[in-house]
């Protein structure tokens, strides 16, 4: 048997950099959720780890029922914002507001994990005052 030259950690590092989940701009994972689920299905362990972290963060993010509806419809069911607005009886800007709020709450969970040494490192370091404002 030969030695494999495949770098198992390279995929983890690449996904960690591409989907740094501790700031709202990097919450791109939600936009690429279906792609990441496909990668998980095809045996990508790095994608599995990131998706498990995301699922746990969503559970701990203290989202309102409406935010959970928007999360499910926009990201898990891949609906357009205007279609979600019609379905929920709200305006498209309100759907966008819910998206921003839920992203901030999910990011706050990842930040808390980073500060509490829960095995997640922060890509963006905030001051103590900024952390209090998020919490």
C-alpha atoms as a PDB file:
ATOM      1  CA  UNK A   1       0.000   0.000   0.000  1.00  0.00           C
ATOM      2  CA  UNK A   2       1.249   3.439  -0.897  1.00  0.00           C
ATOM      3  CA  UNK A   3       0.965   6.606   1.088  1.00  0.00           C
ATOM      4  CA  UNK A   4      -1.740   9.018   0.014  1.00  0.00           C
ATOM      5  CA  UNK A   5      -0.574  12.524  -0.806  1.00  0.00           C
ATOM      6  CA  UNK A   6      -4.100  13.914  -0.472  1.00  0.00           C
ATOM      7  CA  UNK A   7      -4.281  16.690   2.097  1.00  0.00           C
ATOM      8  CA  UNK A   8      -7.413  15.950   4.121  1.00  0.00           C
ATOM      9  CA  UNK A   9      -7.177  19.235   5.964  1.00  0.00           C
ATOM     10  CA  UNK A  10      -7.002  21.343   2.775  1.00  0.00           C
ATOM     11  CA  UNK A  11     -10.761  21.061   2.226  1.00  0.00           C
ATOM     12  CA  UNK A  12     -11.399  22.095   5.825  1.00  0.00           C
ATOM     13  CA  UNK A  13      -9.095  25.101   5.506  1.00  0.00           C
ATOM     14  CA  UNK A  14     -10.637  26.145   2.182  1.00  0.00           C
ATOM     15  CA  UNK A  15     -14.209  25.933   3.492  1.00  0.00           C
ATOM     16  CA  UNK A  16     -13.225  27.630   6.758  1.00  0.00           C
ATOM     17  CA  UNK A  17     -11.800  30.582   4.820  1.00  0.00           C
ATOM     18  CA  UNK A  18     -14.619  30.754   2.276  1.00  0.00           C
ATOM     19  CA  UNK A  19     -17.422  30.452   4.825  1.00  0.00           C
ATOM     20  CA  UNK A  20     -16.070  32.227   7.914  1.00  0.00           C
ATOM     21  CA  UNK A  21     -19.276  32.288   9.898  1.00  0.00           C
ATOM     22  CA  UNK A  22     -18.417  34.885  12.500  1.00  0.00           C
ATOM     23  CA  UNK A  23     -19.391  37.999  10.550  1.00  0.00           C
ATOM     24  CA  UNK A  24     -22.571  38.877   8.642  1.00  0.00           C
ATOM     25  CA  UNK A  25     -20.810  39.352   5.292  1.00  0.00           C
ATOM     26  CA  UNK A  26     -19.434  35.833   5.479  1.00  0.00           C
ATOM     27  CA  UNK A  27     -22.769  34.155   6.073  1.00  0.00           C
ATOM     28  CA  UNK A  28     -22.560  33.112   2.418  1.00  0.00           C
ATOM     29  CA  UNK A  29     -23.019  29.538   3.541  1.00  0.00           C
ATOM     30  CA  UNK A  30     -26.735  30.201   3.748  1.00  0.00           C
ATOM     31  CA  UNK A  31     -26.761  31.285   0.100  1.00  0.00           C
ATOM     32  CA  UNK A  32     -24.826  28.176  -0.897  1.00  0.00           C
ATOM     33  CA  UNK A  33     -26.705  25.807   1.401  1.00  0.00           C
ATOM     34  CA  UNK A  34     -28.010  23.530  -1.354  1.00  0.00           C
ATOM     35  CA  UNK A  35     -24.520  23.287  -2.873  1.00  0.00           C
ATOM     36  CA  UNK A  36     -23.005  22.443   0.509  1.00  0.00           C
ATOM     37  CA  UNK A  37     -25.685  19.810   1.130  1.00  0.00           C
ATOM     38  CA  UNK A  38     -24.807  18.244  -2.216  1.00  0.00           C
ATOM     39  CA  UNK A  39     -21.128  18.222  -1.228  1.00  0.00           C
ATOM     40  CA  UNK A  40     -22.080  16.554   2.052  1.00  0.00           C
ATOM     41  CA  UNK A  41     -24.093  13.944   0.159  1.00  0.00           C
ATOM     42  CA  UNK A  42     -21.063  13.237  -2.060  1.00  0.00           C
ATOM     43  CA  UNK A  43     -18.891  12.490   0.982  1.00  0.00           C
ATOM     44  CA  UNK A  44     -17.214  15.856   1.625  1.00  0.00           C
ATOM     45  CA  UNK A  45     -16.468  15.672   5.347  1.00  0.00           C
ATOM     46  CA  UNK A  46     -15.519  19.341   5.543  1.00  0.00           C
ATOM     47  CA  UNK A  47     -18.939  20.316   4.189  1.00  0.00           C
ATOM     48  CA  UNK A  48     -20.555  17.968   6.707  1.00  0.00           C
ATOM     49  CA  UNK A  49     -18.709  19.627   9.584  1.00  0.00           C
ATOM     50  CA  UNK A  50     -19.658  23.128   8.456  1.00  0.00           C
ATOM     51  CA  UNK A  51     -23.305  22.164   7.941  1.00  0.00           C
ATOM     52  CA  UNK A  52     -23.491  20.528  11.366  1.00  0.00           C
ATOM     53  CA  UNK A  53     -22.065  23.696  12.919  1.00  0.00           C
ATOM     54  CA  UNK A  54     -24.615  25.765  11.000  1.00  0.00           C
ATOM     55  CA  UNK A  55     -27.516  23.555  12.096  1.00  0.00           C
ATOM     56  CA  UNK A  56     -26.410  23.799  15.730  1.00  0.00           C
ATOM     57  CA  UNK A  57     -25.976  27.566  15.447  1.00  0.00           C
ATOM     58  CA  UNK A  58     -29.480  27.959  13.973  1.00  0.00           C
ATOM     59  CA  UNK A  59     -30.909  25.934  16.864  1.00  0.00           C
ATOM     60  CA  UNK A  60     -29.099  28.180  19.370  1.00  0.00           C
ATOM     61  CA  UNK A  61     -29.735  31.501  17.603  1.00  0.00           C
ATOM     62  CA  UNK A  62     -33.014  32.340  19.381  1.00  0.00           C
ATOM     63  CA  UNK A  63     -34.820  33.037  16.100  1.00  0.00           C
ATOM     64  CA  UNK A  64     -38.435  34.132  16.109  1.00  0.00           C
ATOM     65  CA  UNK A  65     -41.029  31.967  14.378  1.00  0.00           C
ATOM     66  CA  UNK A  66     -41.180  34.397  11.457  1.00  0.00           C
ATOM     67  CA  UNK A  67     -37.385  34.416  11.113  1.00  0.00           C
ATOM     68  CA  UNK A  68     -37.414  30.605  11.062  1.00  0.00           C
ATOM     69  CA  UNK A  69     -40.071  30.683   8.332  1.00  0.00           C
ATOM     70  CA  UNK A  70     -37.998  33.078   6.247  1.00  0.00           C
ATOM     71  CA  UNK A  71     -34.858  30.988   6.823  1.00  0.00           C
ATOM     72  CA  UNK A  72     -36.635  27.819   5.710  1.00  0.00           C
ATOM     73  CA  UNK A  73     -38.315  29.332   2.669  1.00  0.00           C
ATOM     74  CA  UNK A  74     -35.432  31.450   1.370  1.00  0.00           C
ATOM     75  CA  UNK A  75     -32.481  29.205   2.125  1.00  0.00           C
ATOM     76  CA  UNK A  76     -33.755  25.648   2.505  1.00  0.00           C
ATOM     77  CA  UNK A  77     -36.504  25.787  -0.112  1.00  0.00           C
ATOM     78  CA  UNK A  78     -34.652  28.276  -2.350  1.00  0.00           C
ATOM     79  CA  UNK A  79     -37.631  30.608  -2.868  1.00  0.00           C
ATOM     80  CA  UNK A  80     -37.276  34.157  -4.154  1.00  0.00           C
ATOM     81  CA  UNK A  81     -37.822  36.972  -1.636  1.00  0.00           C
ATOM     82  CA  UNK A  82     -40.858  38.322  -3.469  1.00  0.00           C
ATOM     83  CA  UNK A  83     -42.468  34.850  -3.461  1.00  0.00           C
ATOM     84  CA  UNK A  84     -41.781  34.497   0.261  1.00  0.00           C
ATOM     85  CA  UNK A  85     -43.294  37.941   0.843  1.00  0.00           C
ATOM     86  CA  UNK A  86     -46.477  36.978  -1.004  1.00  0.00           C
ATOM     87  CA  UNK A  87     -46.709  33.640   0.804  1.00  0.00           C
ATOM     88  CA  UNK A  88     -46.248  35.199   4.251  1.00  0.00           C
ATOM     89  CA  UNK A  89     -48.318  38.314   3.530  1.00  0.00           C
ATOM     90  CA  UNK A  90     -45.472  40.753   4.138  1.00  0.00           C
ATOM     91  CA  UNK A  91     -43.410  43.051   1.926  1.00  0.00           C
ATOM     92  CA  UNK A  92     -40.170  42.064   0.196  1.00  0.00           C
ATOM     93  CA  UNK A  93     -38.158  44.631   2.238  1.00  0.00           C
ATOM     94  CA  UNK A  94     -39.534  43.000   5.399  1.00  0.00           C
ATOM     95  CA  UNK A  95     -38.302  39.613   4.167  1.00  0.00           C
ATOM     96  CA  UNK A  96     -34.897  41.208   3.616  1.00  0.00           C
ATOM     97  CA  UNK A  97     -34.984  42.654   7.148  1.00  0.00           C
ATOM     98  CA  UNK A  98     -35.750  39.206   8.581  1.00  0.00           C
ATOM     99  CA  UNK A  99     -32.841  37.761   6.579  1.00  0.00           C
ATOM    100  CA  UNK A 100     -30.466  40.367   8.016  1.00  0.00           C
ATOM    101  CA  UNK A 101     -31.694  39.820  11.573  1.00  0.00           C
ATOM    102  CA  UNK A 102     -31.464  36.042  11.422  1.00  0.00           C
ATOM    103  CA  UNK A 103     -27.980  36.248   9.912  1.00  0.00           C
ATOM    104  CA  UNK A 104     -26.865  38.527  12.751  1.00  0.00           C
ATOM    105  CA  UNK A 105     -28.260  36.114  15.339  1.00  0.00           C
ATOM    106  CA  UNK A 106     -26.522  33.132  13.743  1.00  0.00           C
ATOM    107  CA  UNK A 107     -23.259  35.062  13.507  1.00  0.00           C
ATOM    108  CA  UNK A 108     -23.574  35.958  17.211  1.00  0.00           C
ATOM    109  CA  UNK A 109     -23.677  32.240  18.072  1.00  0.00           C
ATOM    110  CA  UNK A 110     -20.454  31.603  16.140  1.00  0.00           C
ATOM    111  CA  UNK A 111     -18.833  34.615  17.796  1.00  0.00           C
ATOM    112  CA  UNK A 112     -19.850  33.332  21.228  1.00  0.00           C
ATOM    113  CA  UNK A 113     -18.360  29.932  20.390  1.00  0.00           C
ATOM    114  CA  UNK A 114     -15.136  31.622  19.334  1.00  0.00           C
ATOM    115  CA  UNK A 115     -14.859  33.682  22.508  1.00  0.00           C
ATOM    116  CA  UNK A 116     -15.753  30.725  24.732  1.00  0.00           C
ATOM    117  CA  UNK A 117     -13.144  28.459  23.099  1.00  0.00           C
ATOM    118  CA  UNK A 118     -15.717  26.009  21.800  1.00  0.00           C
ATOM    119  CA  UNK A 119     -13.426  24.816  19.024  1.00  0.00           C
ATOM    120  CA  UNK A 120     -14.311  27.597  16.633  1.00  0.00           C
ATOM    121  CA  UNK A 121     -11.820  30.322  15.831  1.00  0.00           C
ATOM    122  CA  UNK A 122     -12.800  33.871  14.990  1.00  0.00           C
ATOM    123  CA  UNK A 123     -11.873  35.376  11.655  1.00  0.00           C
ATOM    124  CA  UNK A 124     -12.971  38.842  12.763  1.00  0.00           C
ATOM    125  CA  UNK A 125     -11.993  39.933  16.256  1.00  0.00           C
ATOM    126  CA  UNK A 126     -14.239  42.449  17.979  1.00  0.00           C
ATOM    127  CA  UNK A 127     -13.725  44.577  21.050  1.00  0.00           C
ATOM    128  CA  UNK A 128     -15.487  43.769  24.320  1.00  0.00           C
ATOM    129  CA  UNK A 129     -18.009  46.579  23.699  1.00  0.00           C
ATOM    130  CA  UNK A 130     -18.894  45.218  20.250  1.00  0.00           C
ATOM    131  CA  UNK A 131     -19.348  41.737  21.720  1.00  0.00           C
ATOM    132  CA  UNK A 132     -21.742  43.065  24.377  1.00  0.00           C
ATOM    133  CA  UNK A 133     -23.781  44.840  21.699  1.00  0.00           C
ATOM    134  CA  UNK A 134     -24.161  41.566  19.764  1.00  0.00           C
ATOM    135  CA  UNK A 135     -25.037  39.476  22.834  1.00  0.00           C
END
